Amino acid sequence: SLVCSIFNPFTGEIAIEACDEKIKSIEVQLVRVETCGCADGYSKDGNNF
């Protein structure tokens, strides 16, 4: 798990070390996870954006 500030740009690299097929594109998916606490415990909900 990694926590990132959404107010700063995301930077970095993706390295593909081996692949049997030609790669046409790579898709990056961002997921926001919300955690709510209550008497019964915690609930987590993930949303794509």
Protein backbone atom coordinates (compact mmCIF):
# COMPACT_ATOMS: atom_id res chain seq x y z
CA SER A 1 0.00 0.00 0.00
CA LEU A 2 1.26 3.44 -0.93
CA VAL A 3 -0.24 6.81 -0.04
CA CYS A 4 0.35 9.62 -2.57
CA SER A 5 -0.59 13.29 -2.53
CA ILE A 6 -3.01 14.09 -5.35
CA PHE A 7 -1.78 17.69 -5.31
CA ASN A 8 1.63 16.68 -6.73
CA PRO A 9 2.29 15.12 -10.15
CA PHE A 10 2.79 11.36 -10.38
CA THR A 11 6.20 10.46 -11.77
CA GLY A 12 8.10 7.23 -12.20
CA GLU A 13 8.93 4.40 -14.55
CA ILE A 14 7.46 1.07 -15.59
CA ALA A 15 9.95 -1.57 -16.72
CA ILE A 16 8.85 -4.66 -18.67
CA GLU A 17 11.63 -7.20 -18.25
CA ALA A 18 10.14 -10.00 -20.35
CA CYS A 19 7.08 -10.52 -22.53
CA ASP A 20 6.06 -13.21 -25.03
CA GLU A 21 3.86 -10.84 -27.08
CA LYS A 22 4.36 -7.37 -28.55
CA ILE A 23 3.04 -4.69 -26.17
CA LYS A 24 0.81 -2.15 -27.91
CA SER A 25 -0.09 -0.04 -24.87
CA ILE A 26 0.00 0.10 -21.08
CA GLU A 27 -2.97 1.37 -19.05
CA VAL A 28 -2.56 2.87 -15.58
CA GLN A 29 -5.61 2.71 -13.31
CA LEU A 30 -6.05 5.01 -10.30
CA VAL A 31 -8.28 3.76 -7.48
CA ARG A 32 -9.51 5.89 -4.58
CA VAL A 33 -10.14 3.83 -1.42
CA GLU A 34 -12.41 5.24 1.27
CA THR A 35 -12.41 3.72 4.77
CA CYS A 36 -15.34 4.27 7.15
CA GLY A 37 -15.40 3.16 10.77
CA CYS A 38 -18.49 2.22 12.76
CA ALA A 39 -19.49 0.10 15.78
CA ASP A 40 -19.34 -3.09 13.66
CA GLY A 41 -15.79 -2.42 12.40
CA TYR A 42 -14.39 -0.85 9.26
CA SER A 43 -15.64 -0.78 5.70
CA LYS A 44 -13.48 -0.07 2.63
CA ASP A 45 -14.83 0.98 -0.75
CA GLY A 46 -12.72 1.42 -3.88
CA ASN A 47 -13.68 3.73 -6.76
CA ASN A 48 -12.00 4.06 -10.15
CA PHE A 49 -11.44 7.55 -11.47
